[in-house]
Amino acid sequence: MEKINIFSKRLKVRNLKSTDLEDFYIYRSNPEITKYQGFDVMNREESKDFIYGQKDKLFGKPGEWVQYGIENRSSNRIVGDCAIKLDKNDGRIAEIGITISHLYQKKGYAKEAFTAIIEFLFNVMNIHRIVETVDVENEASIQLMESMGFRKEGHFIENIYFNNKWGSEYMYAMLQREWKKTIKLDNLFIK
């Protein structure tokens, strides 16, 4: 298990830090951001506790989500966060979740971060399969998955109860060998 740093042209995916609190709180307290996510809005204290609980977590423990900050390399401020979890029964399968702040959406950050994370998981960690679960109403995430060549493998009807209602989700997936045939991110390097 290890800490990770994944760099792309504009972004760095790294462990959350205490200094991320203000930026993290701004978007994690916004109901529009949590609308399609598996978490509720957070107050400042919950945000602080969440960061504290995640900042020293190491990548690689099957069945455990690890949350990372997505940092803009020019401003050194987070523009969002992502989570990676290895399957508890098979550590060669990973699930990813990504959240971009409402202040930074429509700038290509989700695709850039997602691409860098996928590249890391497939080519550095030798993951066999990556899955992503997306709310059926989250058109931006659906478009992202499909633009990156992810295959829609399932449609779960009212499988999750969140925000006082039943919701439905799509399951997307990609295999390592399929990724090698798709897009690559320029200037990617990992430390």
N, C-alpha and C. Protein backbone atom coordinates (compact mmCIF):
# COMPACT_ATOMS: atom_id res chain seq x y z
N MET A 1 0.85 -1.18 0.00
CA MET A 1 0.00 0.00 0.00
C MET A 1 0.89 1.24 0.00
N GLU A 2 0.43 2.29 -0.66
CA GLU A 2 1.26 3.47 -0.81
C GLU A 2 0.42 4.72 -1.05
N LYS A 3 1.06 5.88 -0.82
CA LYS A 3 0.45 7.14 -1.22
C LYS A 3 0.71 7.31 -2.71
N ILE A 4 -0.19 8.00 -3.37
CA ILE A 4 0.00 8.19 -4.80
C ILE A 4 0.03 9.67 -5.14
N ASN A 5 0.73 9.97 -6.22
CA ASN A 5 0.72 11.29 -6.85
C ASN A 5 0.64 11.02 -8.34
N ILE A 6 -0.43 11.48 -8.95
CA ILE A 6 -0.63 11.29 -10.38
C ILE A 6 -0.70 12.68 -11.00
N PHE A 7 0.15 12.93 -11.98
CA PHE A 7 0.21 14.24 -12.62
C PHE A 7 -0.29 14.16 -14.05
N SER A 8 -1.07 15.15 -14.43
CA SER A 8 -1.44 15.33 -15.83
C SER A 8 -0.99 16.74 -16.22
N LYS A 9 -1.37 17.17 -17.38
CA LYS A 9 -0.92 18.48 -17.86
C LYS A 9 -1.26 19.61 -16.88
N ARG A 10 -2.50 19.62 -16.37
CA ARG A 10 -2.94 20.71 -15.49
C ARG A 10 -3.20 20.28 -14.05
N LEU A 11 -3.26 18.99 -13.79
CA LEU A 11 -3.76 18.50 -12.51
C LEU A 11 -2.79 17.58 -11.79
N LYS A 12 -3.00 17.46 -10.50
CA LYS A 12 -2.28 16.50 -9.68
C LYS A 12 -3.32 15.81 -8.79
N VAL A 13 -3.35 14.49 -8.84
CA VAL A 13 -4.22 13.71 -7.96
C VAL A 13 -3.35 13.24 -6.81
N ARG A 14 -3.72 13.63 -5.59
CA ARG A 14 -2.89 13.34 -4.42
C ARG A 14 -3.76 13.25 -3.18
N ASN A 15 -3.18 12.78 -2.09
CA ASN A 15 -3.93 12.69 -0.84
C ASN A 15 -4.46 14.06 -0.44
N LEU A 16 -5.63 14.05 0.17
CA LEU A 16 -6.18 15.29 0.70
C LEU A 16 -5.28 15.82 1.80
N LYS A 17 -5.28 17.16 1.98
CA LYS A 17 -4.47 17.82 3.01
C LYS A 17 -5.37 18.75 3.82
N SER A 18 -4.95 19.04 5.03
CA SER A 18 -5.71 19.95 5.90
C SER A 18 -5.94 21.30 5.23
N THR A 19 -4.99 21.74 4.42
CA THR A 19 -5.11 23.04 3.75
C THR A 19 -6.16 23.03 2.63
N ASP A 20 -6.72 21.87 2.32
CA ASP A 20 -7.78 21.77 1.30
C ASP A 20 -9.16 22.12 1.86
N LEU A 21 -9.24 22.30 3.17
CA LEU A 21 -10.54 22.41 3.82
C LEU A 21 -11.47 23.43 3.18
N GLU A 22 -11.02 24.64 2.97
CA GLU A 22 -11.91 25.69 2.46
C GLU A 22 -12.47 25.34 1.09
N ASP A 23 -11.60 24.94 0.16
CA ASP A 23 -12.06 24.59 -1.18
C ASP A 23 -12.98 23.37 -1.15
N PHE A 24 -12.62 22.37 -0.36
CA PHE A 24 -13.41 21.14 -0.22
C PHE A 24 -14.79 21.47 0.32
N TYR A 25 -14.83 22.25 1.37
CA TYR A 25 -16.11 22.62 2.00
C TYR A 25 -17.02 23.38 1.04
N ILE A 26 -16.45 24.27 0.24
CA ILE A 26 -17.25 25.09 -0.68
C ILE A 26 -18.09 24.21 -1.60
N TYR A 27 -17.49 23.18 -2.17
CA TYR A 27 -18.30 22.36 -3.09
C TYR A 27 -19.01 21.21 -2.40
N ARG A 28 -18.45 20.66 -1.34
CA ARG A 28 -19.12 19.55 -0.66
C ARG A 28 -20.34 20.02 0.15
N SER A 29 -20.49 21.32 0.34
CA SER A 29 -21.66 21.86 1.04
C SER A 29 -22.76 22.29 0.06
N ASN A 30 -22.51 22.12 -1.23
CA ASN A 30 -23.44 22.55 -2.27
C ASN A 30 -24.37 21.40 -2.66
N PRO A 31 -25.69 21.55 -2.45
CA PRO A 31 -26.64 20.48 -2.79
C PRO A 31 -26.61 20.06 -4.26
N GLU A 32 -26.26 20.97 -5.16
CA GLU A 32 -26.18 20.61 -6.58
C GLU A 32 -25.05 19.62 -6.84
N ILE A 33 -23.97 19.73 -6.08
CA ILE A 33 -22.84 18.81 -6.24
C ILE A 33 -23.19 17.43 -5.71
N THR A 34 -23.94 17.37 -4.64
CA THR A 34 -24.26 16.07 -4.03
C THR A 34 -25.48 15.40 -4.67
N LYS A 35 -26.11 16.08 -5.59
CA LYS A 35 -27.36 15.59 -6.19
C LYS A 35 -27.27 14.16 -6.72
N TYR A 36 -26.17 13.82 -7.37
CA TYR A 36 -26.02 12.49 -7.97
C TYR A 36 -24.99 11.63 -7.25
N GLN A 37 -24.51 12.11 -6.13
CA GLN A 37 -23.46 11.41 -5.41
C GLN A 37 -24.02 10.54 -4.30
N GLY A 38 -23.20 9.68 -3.76
CA GLY A 38 -23.61 8.82 -2.66
C GLY A 38 -23.32 9.42 -1.31
N PHE A 39 -23.23 10.74 -1.24
CA PHE A 39 -22.99 11.43 0.02
C PHE A 39 -23.88 12.66 0.12
N ASP A 40 -24.14 13.07 1.35
CA ASP A 40 -24.94 14.27 1.60
C ASP A 40 -24.04 15.50 1.67
N VAL A 41 -24.66 16.68 1.67
CA VAL A 41 -23.89 17.91 1.88
C VAL A 41 -23.18 17.82 3.22
N MET A 42 -22.04 18.48 3.29
CA MET A 42 -21.24 18.47 4.52
C MET A 42 -21.13 19.88 5.07
N ASN A 43 -21.18 20.00 6.38
CA ASN A 43 -20.87 21.29 7.00
C ASN A 43 -19.35 21.37 7.16
N ARG A 44 -18.87 22.49 7.67
CA ARG A 44 -17.42 22.70 7.78
C ARG A 44 -16.76 21.64 8.67
N GLU A 45 -17.39 21.33 9.80
CA GLU A 45 -16.80 20.36 10.73
C GLU A 45 -16.77 18.96 10.11
N GLU A 46 -17.83 18.58 9.42
CA GLU A 46 -17.85 17.27 8.73
C GLU A 46 -16.79 17.22 7.64
N SER A 47 -16.61 18.33 6.93
CA SER A 47 -15.58 18.40 5.90
C SER A 47 -14.20 18.23 6.51
N LYS A 48 -13.97 18.91 7.62
CA LYS A 48 -12.68 18.82 8.32
C LYS A 48 -12.42 17.39 8.79
N ASP A 49 -13.43 16.77 9.39
CA ASP A 49 -13.30 15.39 9.87
C ASP A 49 -13.06 14.42 8.72
N PHE A 50 -13.75 14.65 7.60
CA PHE A 50 -13.58 13.78 6.44
C PHE A 50 -12.15 13.85 5.93
N ILE A 51 -11.64 15.06 5.75
CA ILE A 51 -10.26 15.23 5.27
C ILE A 51 -9.29 14.59 6.25
N TYR A 52 -9.49 14.82 7.53
CA TYR A 52 -8.61 14.24 8.55
C TYR A 52 -8.59 12.71 8.45
N GLY A 53 -9.75 12.12 8.22
CA GLY A 53 -9.84 10.67 8.12
C GLY A 53 -9.27 10.09 6.84
N GLN A 54 -9.09 10.93 5.82
CA GLN A 54 -8.61 10.45 4.52
C GLN A 54 -7.16 10.80 4.22
N LYS A 55 -6.64 11.85 4.83
CA LYS A 55 -5.37 12.42 4.38
C LYS A 55 -4.17 11.48 4.46
N ASP A 56 -4.21 10.53 5.37
CA ASP A 56 -3.08 9.61 5.50
C ASP A 56 -3.38 8.20 5.01
N LYS A 57 -4.54 8.03 4.39
CA LYS A 57 -4.90 6.70 3.88
C LYS A 57 -3.99 6.32 2.72
N LEU A 58 -3.71 5.05 2.64
CA LEU A 58 -2.85 4.53 1.59
C LEU A 58 -3.68 3.76 0.57
N PHE A 59 -3.27 3.87 -0.68
CA PHE A 59 -3.93 3.15 -1.76
C PHE A 59 -3.61 1.66 -1.67
N GLY A 60 -4.60 0.83 -1.94
CA GLY A 60 -4.32 -0.58 -2.12
C GLY A 60 -4.99 -1.55 -1.19
N LYS A 61 -5.77 -1.08 -0.21
CA LYS A 61 -6.46 -2.00 0.68
C LYS A 61 -7.81 -2.36 0.06
N PRO A 62 -7.98 -3.62 -0.37
CA PRO A 62 -9.24 -4.01 -1.01
C PRO A 62 -10.46 -3.74 -0.13
N GLY A 63 -11.51 -3.25 -0.78
CA GLY A 63 -12.77 -2.98 -0.10
C GLY A 63 -12.86 -1.63 0.58
N GLU A 64 -11.81 -0.83 0.53
CA GLU A 64 -11.79 0.45 1.24
C GLU A 64 -11.63 1.61 0.25
N TRP A 65 -12.58 2.54 0.30
CA TRP A 65 -12.48 3.75 -0.52
C TRP A 65 -11.37 4.64 0.02
N VAL A 66 -10.57 5.20 -0.88
CA VAL A 66 -9.58 6.21 -0.51
C VAL A 66 -9.91 7.44 -1.35
N GLN A 67 -10.06 8.57 -0.68
CA GLN A 67 -10.44 9.82 -1.34
C GLN A 67 -9.19 10.65 -1.58
N TYR A 68 -9.06 11.20 -2.79
CA TYR A 68 -7.91 12.01 -3.18
C TYR A 68 -8.37 13.38 -3.63
N GLY A 69 -7.53 14.37 -3.41
CA GLY A 69 -7.78 15.70 -3.94
C GLY A 69 -7.34 15.77 -5.39
N ILE A 70 -8.06 16.54 -6.18
CA ILE A 70 -7.66 16.83 -7.56
C ILE A 70 -7.22 18.28 -7.56
N GLU A 71 -5.93 18.48 -7.63
CA GLU A 71 -5.33 19.81 -7.47
C GLU A 71 -4.99 20.43 -8.82
N ASN A 72 -5.33 21.70 -8.99
CA ASN A 72 -4.88 22.46 -10.14
C ASN A 72 -3.40 22.79 -9.89
N ARG A 73 -2.54 22.33 -10.76
CA ARG A 73 -1.10 22.48 -10.52
C ARG A 73 -0.63 23.93 -10.57
N SER A 74 -1.34 24.80 -11.27
CA SER A 74 -0.90 26.19 -11.33
C SER A 74 -1.34 26.99 -10.10
N SER A 75 -2.48 26.64 -9.51
CA SER A 75 -2.96 27.38 -8.33
C SER A 75 -2.70 26.64 -7.02
N ASN A 76 -2.36 25.35 -7.10
CA ASN A 76 -2.17 24.49 -5.92
C ASN A 76 -3.43 24.39 -5.06
N ARG A 77 -4.59 24.57 -5.68
CA ARG A 77 -5.88 24.44 -4.97
C ARG A 77 -6.66 23.30 -5.59
N ILE A 78 -7.47 22.64 -4.76
CA ILE A 78 -8.23 21.52 -5.31
C ILE A 78 -9.44 22.04 -6.09
N VAL A 79 -9.70 21.34 -7.18
CA VAL A 79 -10.86 21.64 -8.03
C VAL A 79 -11.92 20.57 -7.88
N GLY A 80 -11.60 19.55 -7.10
CA GLY A 80 -12.52 18.45 -6.86
C GLY A 80 -11.81 17.33 -6.13
N ASP A 81 -12.45 16.18 -6.09
CA ASP A 81 -11.84 15.02 -5.46
C ASP A 81 -12.31 13.76 -6.17
N CYS A 82 -11.61 12.70 -5.91
CA CYS A 82 -11.97 11.41 -6.50
C CYS A 82 -11.75 10.33 -5.46
N ALA A 83 -12.40 9.21 -5.67
CA ALA A 83 -12.24 8.08 -4.78
C ALA A 83 -11.92 6.85 -5.61
N ILE A 84 -11.06 6.01 -5.05
CA ILE A 84 -10.70 4.75 -5.69
C ILE A 84 -10.88 3.65 -4.67
N LYS A 85 -11.50 2.57 -5.10
CA LYS A 85 -11.67 1.41 -4.23
C LYS A 85 -11.34 0.16 -5.01
N LEU A 86 -10.48 -0.68 -4.45
CA LEU A 86 -10.23 -1.99 -5.02
C LEU A 86 -11.31 -2.93 -4.52
N ASP A 87 -11.77 -3.81 -5.38
CA ASP A 87 -12.82 -4.76 -5.02
C ASP A 87 -12.36 -5.62 -3.84
N LYS A 88 -13.24 -5.80 -2.87
CA LYS A 88 -12.86 -6.55 -1.66
C LYS A 88 -12.59 -8.02 -1.94
N ASN A 89 -13.15 -8.57 -3.02
CA ASN A 89 -12.94 -9.98 -3.36
C ASN A 89 -11.85 -10.19 -4.40
N ASP A 90 -11.53 -9.14 -5.15
CA ASP A 90 -10.50 -9.25 -6.18
C ASP A 90 -9.86 -7.88 -6.38
N GLY A 91 -8.67 -7.70 -5.86
CA GLY A 91 -7.96 -6.43 -5.92
C GLY A 91 -7.51 -6.02 -7.30
N ARG A 92 -7.82 -6.81 -8.32
CA ARG A 92 -7.49 -6.43 -9.70
C ARG A 92 -8.65 -5.70 -10.37
N ILE A 93 -9.72 -5.47 -9.60
CA ILE A 93 -10.88 -4.71 -10.09
C ILE A 93 -10.98 -3.45 -9.24
N ALA A 94 -11.09 -2.30 -9.89
CA ALA A 94 -11.16 -1.02 -9.17
C ALA A 94 -12.43 -0.28 -9.56
N GLU A 95 -12.94 0.47 -8.60
CA GLU A 95 -14.07 1.37 -8.85
C GLU A 95 -13.59 2.79 -8.59
N ILE A 96 -14.07 3.70 -9.41
CA ILE A 96 -13.67 5.11 -9.29
C ILE A 96 -14.91 5.97 -9.14
N GLY A 97 -14.81 7.00 -8.32
CA GLY A 97 -15.83 8.03 -8.23
C GLY A 97 -15.14 9.38 -8.34
N ILE A 98 -15.78 10.34 -8.96
CA ILE A 98 -15.14 11.64 -9.14
C ILE A 98 -16.15 12.76 -8.93
N THR A 99 -15.70 13.84 -8.28
CA THR A 99 -16.52 15.01 -8.03
C THR A 99 -15.71 16.25 -8.39
N ILE A 100 -16.26 17.10 -9.23
CA ILE A 100 -15.61 18.36 -9.58
C ILE A 100 -16.45 19.50 -9.01
N SER A 101 -15.78 20.45 -8.37
CA SER A 101 -16.44 21.60 -7.79
C SER A 101 -17.27 22.34 -8.83
N HIS A 102 -18.40 22.88 -8.41
CA HIS A 102 -19.25 23.68 -9.30
C HIS A 102 -18.49 24.89 -9.84
N LEU A 103 -17.45 25.33 -9.15
CA LEU A 103 -16.66 26.48 -9.59
C LEU A 103 -15.73 26.14 -10.76
N TYR A 104 -15.52 24.84 -11.00
CA TYR A 104 -14.54 24.42 -12.01
C TYR A 104 -15.10 23.47 -13.06
N GLN A 105 -16.40 23.32 -13.11
CA GLN A 105 -16.99 22.43 -14.10
C GLN A 105 -16.92 23.05 -15.49
N LYS A 106 -17.03 22.22 -16.49
CA LYS A 106 -17.00 22.62 -17.91
C LYS A 106 -15.64 23.14 -18.35
N LYS A 107 -14.57 22.65 -17.69
CA LYS A 107 -13.21 23.03 -18.07
C LYS A 107 -12.38 21.81 -18.48
N GLY A 108 -13.02 20.65 -18.53
CA GLY A 108 -12.32 19.43 -18.92
C GLY A 108 -11.56 18.75 -17.79
N TYR A 109 -11.72 19.24 -16.56
CA TYR A 109 -10.99 18.66 -15.43
C TYR A 109 -11.42 17.23 -15.13
N ALA A 110 -12.70 16.94 -15.22
CA ALA A 110 -13.17 15.58 -14.92
C ALA A 110 -12.53 14.58 -15.88
N LYS A 111 -12.55 14.89 -17.16
CA LYS A 111 -11.98 13.97 -18.15
C LYS A 111 -10.48 13.84 -17.97
N GLU A 112 -9.80 14.94 -17.71
CA GLU A 112 -8.35 14.90 -17.54
C GLU A 112 -7.96 14.09 -16.31
N ALA A 113 -8.64 14.34 -15.20
CA ALA A 113 -8.34 13.59 -13.96
C ALA A 113 -8.70 12.12 -14.13
N PHE A 114 -9.86 11.85 -14.69
CA PHE A 114 -10.32 10.47 -14.87
C PHE A 114 -9.35 9.70 -15.75
N THR A 115 -8.91 10.33 -16.83
CA THR A 115 -7.96 9.69 -17.74
C THR A 115 -6.65 9.37 -17.03
N ALA A 116 -6.14 10.32 -16.26
CA ALA A 116 -4.88 10.09 -15.54
C ALA A 116 -5.01 8.96 -14.52
N ILE A 117 -6.14 8.92 -13.83
CA ILE A 117 -6.37 7.86 -12.83
C ILE A 117 -6.47 6.50 -13.52
N ILE A 118 -7.17 6.45 -14.63
CA ILE A 118 -7.30 5.19 -15.37
C ILE A 118 -5.93 4.72 -15.85
N GLU A 119 -5.17 5.64 -16.40
CA GLU A 119 -3.82 5.31 -16.87
C GLU A 119 -2.97 4.75 -15.72
N PHE A 120 -3.04 5.38 -14.57
CA PHE A 120 -2.33 4.90 -13.38
C PHE A 120 -2.79 3.50 -12.99
N LEU A 121 -4.09 3.30 -12.90
CA LEU A 121 -4.60 2.00 -12.46
C LEU A 121 -4.25 0.88 -13.43
N PHE A 122 -4.41 1.13 -14.71
CA PHE A 122 -4.14 0.08 -15.68
C PHE A 122 -2.64 -0.14 -15.91
N ASN A 123 -1.88 0.93 -16.07
CA ASN A 123 -0.50 0.78 -16.50
C ASN A 123 0.54 0.77 -15.39
N VAL A 124 0.20 1.29 -14.23
CA VAL A 124 1.15 1.25 -13.11
C VAL A 124 0.75 0.16 -12.12
N MET A 125 -0.53 0.12 -11.77
CA MET A 125 -0.99 -0.85 -10.77
C MET A 125 -1.46 -2.17 -11.40
N ASN A 126 -1.46 -2.24 -12.72
CA ASN A 126 -1.84 -3.46 -13.44
C ASN A 126 -3.24 -3.97 -13.09
N ILE A 127 -4.16 -3.02 -12.91
CA ILE A 127 -5.56 -3.38 -12.66
C ILE A 127 -6.13 -4.00 -13.93
N HIS A 128 -6.97 -5.00 -13.78
CA HIS A 128 -7.56 -5.70 -14.92
C HIS A 128 -8.84 -5.01 -15.42
N ARG A 129 -9.65 -4.48 -14.48
CA ARG A 129 -10.97 -3.96 -14.84
C ARG A 129 -11.30 -2.76 -13.95
N ILE A 130 -11.88 -1.73 -14.55
CA ILE A 130 -12.35 -0.55 -13.82
C ILE A 130 -13.84 -0.42 -14.05
N VAL A 131 -14.56 -0.18 -12.95
CA VAL A 131 -16.01 0.02 -13.04
C VAL A 131 -16.38 1.39 -12.49
N GLU A 132 -17.51 1.88 -12.93
CA GLU A 132 -18.03 3.18 -12.50
C GLU A 132 -19.54 3.07 -12.46
N THR A 133 -20.14 3.49 -11.36
CA THR A 133 -21.59 3.52 -11.22
C THR A 133 -22.05 4.96 -11.36
N VAL A 134 -23.05 5.19 -12.22
CA VAL A 134 -23.50 6.54 -12.53
C VAL A 134 -25.02 6.62 -12.39
N ASP A 135 -25.50 7.65 -11.71
CA ASP A 135 -26.94 7.91 -11.62
C ASP A 135 -27.48 8.12 -13.03
N VAL A 136 -28.62 7.51 -13.34
CA VAL A 136 -29.17 7.60 -14.70
C VAL A 136 -29.56 9.02 -15.10
N GLU A 137 -29.70 9.91 -14.13
CA GLU A 137 -30.05 11.30 -14.43
C GLU A 137 -28.81 12.19 -14.57
N ASN A 138 -27.63 11.65 -14.30
CA ASN A 138 -26.40 12.44 -14.35
C ASN A 138 -25.83 12.42 -15.77
N GLU A 139 -26.39 13.29 -16.60
CA GLU A 139 -26.03 13.30 -18.02
C GLU A 139 -24.56 13.62 -18.27
N ALA A 140 -23.97 14.50 -17.46
CA ALA A 140 -22.56 14.84 -17.65
C ALA A 140 -21.66 13.63 -17.43
N SER A 141 -21.94 12.86 -16.39
CA SER A 141 -21.13 11.66 -16.11
C SER A 141 -21.36 10.57 -17.16
N ILE A 142 -22.58 10.43 -17.60
CA ILE A 142 -22.88 9.45 -18.66
C ILE A 142 -22.10 9.81 -19.92
N GLN A 143 -22.12 11.08 -20.27
CA GLN A 143 -21.39 11.55 -21.45
C GLN A 143 -19.89 11.30 -21.28
N LEU A 144 -19.36 11.55 -20.09
CA LEU A 144 -17.94 11.32 -19.82
C LEU A 144 -17.59 9.84 -20.03
N MET A 145 -18.37 8.96 -19.42
CA MET A 145 -18.11 7.52 -19.53
C MET A 145 -18.11 7.07 -20.99
N GLU A 146 -19.11 7.50 -21.72
CA GLU A 146 -19.23 7.06 -23.10
C GLU A 146 -18.17 7.69 -24.00
N SER A 147 -17.77 8.93 -23.71
CA SER A 147 -16.73 9.58 -24.52
C SER A 147 -15.37 8.92 -24.31
N MET A 148 -15.20 8.25 -23.17
CA MET A 148 -13.93 7.59 -22.88
C MET A 148 -13.93 6.12 -23.27
N GLY A 149 -15.01 5.67 -23.87
CA GLY A 149 -15.05 4.30 -24.36
C GLY A 149 -15.49 3.27 -23.34
N PHE A 150 -16.03 3.71 -22.21
CA PHE A 150 -16.55 2.76 -21.22
C PHE A 150 -17.82 2.12 -21.76
N ARG A 151 -17.98 0.86 -21.45
CA ARG A 151 -19.11 0.07 -21.90
C ARG A 151 -20.19 0.08 -20.82
N LYS A 152 -21.43 0.33 -21.22
CA LYS A 152 -22.54 0.25 -20.27
C LYS A 152 -22.90 -1.22 -20.12
N GLU A 153 -22.70 -1.74 -18.91
CA GLU A 153 -22.92 -3.17 -18.67
C GLU A 153 -24.20 -3.46 -17.89
N GLY A 154 -24.76 -2.45 -17.28
CA GLY A 154 -25.95 -2.73 -16.49
C GLY A 154 -26.79 -1.50 -16.26
N HIS A 155 -28.06 -1.75 -16.00
CA HIS A 155 -29.01 -0.70 -15.65
C HIS A 155 -29.78 -1.21 -14.44
N PHE A 156 -29.47 -0.65 -13.30
CA PHE A 156 -30.09 -1.07 -12.05
C PHE A 156 -31.27 -0.16 -11.75
N ILE A 157 -32.45 -0.73 -11.64
CA ILE A 157 -33.68 0.03 -11.46
C ILE A 157 -33.96 0.20 -9.97
N GLU A 158 -34.05 1.47 -9.56
CA GLU A 158 -34.36 1.82 -8.16
C GLU A 158 -33.58 0.95 -7.17
N ASN A 159 -32.27 0.94 -7.36
CA ASN A 159 -31.39 0.11 -6.53
C ASN A 159 -30.76 0.87 -5.36
N ILE A 160 -30.98 2.18 -5.29
CA ILE A 160 -30.36 2.98 -4.24
C ILE A 160 -31.38 3.99 -3.70
N TYR A 161 -31.43 4.09 -2.39
CA TYR A 161 -32.33 5.06 -1.75
C TYR A 161 -31.47 6.21 -1.25
N PHE A 162 -31.69 7.38 -1.80
CA PHE A 162 -30.86 8.54 -1.48
C PHE A 162 -31.70 9.80 -1.65
N ASN A 163 -31.51 10.76 -0.78
CA ASN A 163 -32.28 12.01 -0.81
C ASN A 163 -33.78 11.76 -0.81
N ASN A 164 -34.19 10.83 0.01
CA ASN A 164 -35.61 10.50 0.22
C ASN A 164 -36.33 9.97 -1.01
N LYS A 165 -35.59 9.34 -1.91
CA LYS A 165 -36.24 8.73 -3.07
C LYS A 165 -35.37 7.58 -3.58
N TRP A 166 -36.02 6.69 -4.31
CA TRP A 166 -35.30 5.60 -4.96
C TRP A 166 -34.69 6.11 -6.26
N GLY A 167 -33.45 5.73 -6.51
CA GLY A 167 -32.77 6.12 -7.73
C GLY A 167 -32.27 4.91 -8.49
N SER A 168 -32.04 5.12 -9.76
CA SER A 168 -31.53 4.06 -10.64
C SER A 168 -30.13 4.43 -11.11
N GLU A 169 -29.35 3.42 -11.44
CA GLU A 169 -27.96 3.65 -11.83
C GLU A 169 -27.58 2.79 -13.03
N TYR A 170 -26.60 3.30 -13.79
CA TYR A 170 -25.95 2.53 -14.84
C TYR A 170 -24.60 2.06 -14.30
N MET A 171 -24.18 0.89 -14.74
CA MET A 171 -22.85 0.40 -14.43
C MET A 171 -22.03 0.41 -15.72
N TYR A 172 -20.90 1.10 -15.68
CA TYR A 172 -19.98 1.16 -16.81
C TYR A 172 -18.71 0.41 -16.43
N ALA A 173 -18.02 -0.12 -17.44
CA ALA A 173 -16.77 -0.84 -17.17
C ALA A 173 -15.84 -0.77 -18.38
N MET A 174 -14.56 -1.00 -18.08
CA MET A 174 -13.56 -1.11 -19.13
C MET A 174 -12.47 -2.06 -18.64
N LEU A 175 -11.96 -2.86 -19.57
CA LEU A 175 -10.85 -3.76 -19.27
C LEU A 175 -9.54 -3.10 -19.67
N GLN A 176 -8.46 -3.53 -19.04
CA GLN A 176 -7.14 -2.98 -19.34
C GLN A 176 -6.83 -3.06 -20.84
N ARG A 177 -7.10 -4.20 -21.46
CA ARG A 177 -6.77 -4.36 -22.88
C ARG A 177 -7.60 -3.42 -23.77
N GLU A 178 -8.81 -3.07 -23.32
CA GLU A 178 -9.64 -2.14 -24.08
C GLU A 178 -9.08 -0.72 -23.98
N TRP A 179 -8.57 -0.37 -22.80
CA TRP A 179 -8.01 0.96 -22.59
C TRP A 179 -6.84 1.21 -23.52
N LYS A 180 -6.02 0.20 -23.73
CA LYS A 180 -4.83 0.35 -24.56
C LYS A 180 -5.19 0.75 -25.99
N LYS A 181 -6.45 0.54 -26.37
CA LYS A 181 -6.91 0.89 -27.71
C LYS A 181 -7.58 2.27 -27.76
N THR A 182 -7.70 2.93 -26.60
CA THR A 182 -8.41 4.22 -26.56
C THR A 182 -7.43 5.37 -26.39
N ILE A 183 -7.97 6.50 -25.94
CA ILE A 183 -7.18 7.72 -25.82
C ILE A 183 -6.12 7.61 -24.74
N LYS A 184 -5.07 8.40 -24.88
CA LYS A 184 -4.03 8.52 -23.87
C LYS A 184 -3.89 10.00 -23.53
N LEU A 185 -3.44 10.27 -22.33
CA LEU A 185 -3.29 11.64 -21.87
C LEU A 185 -1.86 12.10 -22.10
N ASP A 186 -1.68 13.23 -22.76
CA ASP A 186 -0.35 13.79 -22.97
C ASP A 186 0.25 14.24 -21.64
N ASN A 187 1.55 14.13 -21.55
CA ASN A 187 2.31 14.64 -20.41
C ASN A 187 1.90 14.03 -19.07
N LEU A 188 1.54 12.76 -19.06
CA LEU A 188 1.19 12.08 -17.81
C LEU A 188 2.45 11.50 -17.19
N PHE A 189 2.64 11.74 -15.91
CA PHE A 189 3.71 11.05 -15.20
C PHE A 189 3.28 10.84 -13.76
N ILE A 190 3.83 9.81 -13.17
CA ILE A 190 3.41 9.38 -11.84
C ILE A 190 4.63 9.27 -10.95
N LYS A 191 4.50 9.74 -9.73
CA LYS A 191 5.59 9.63 -8.74
C LYS A 191 5.13 8.78 -7.60
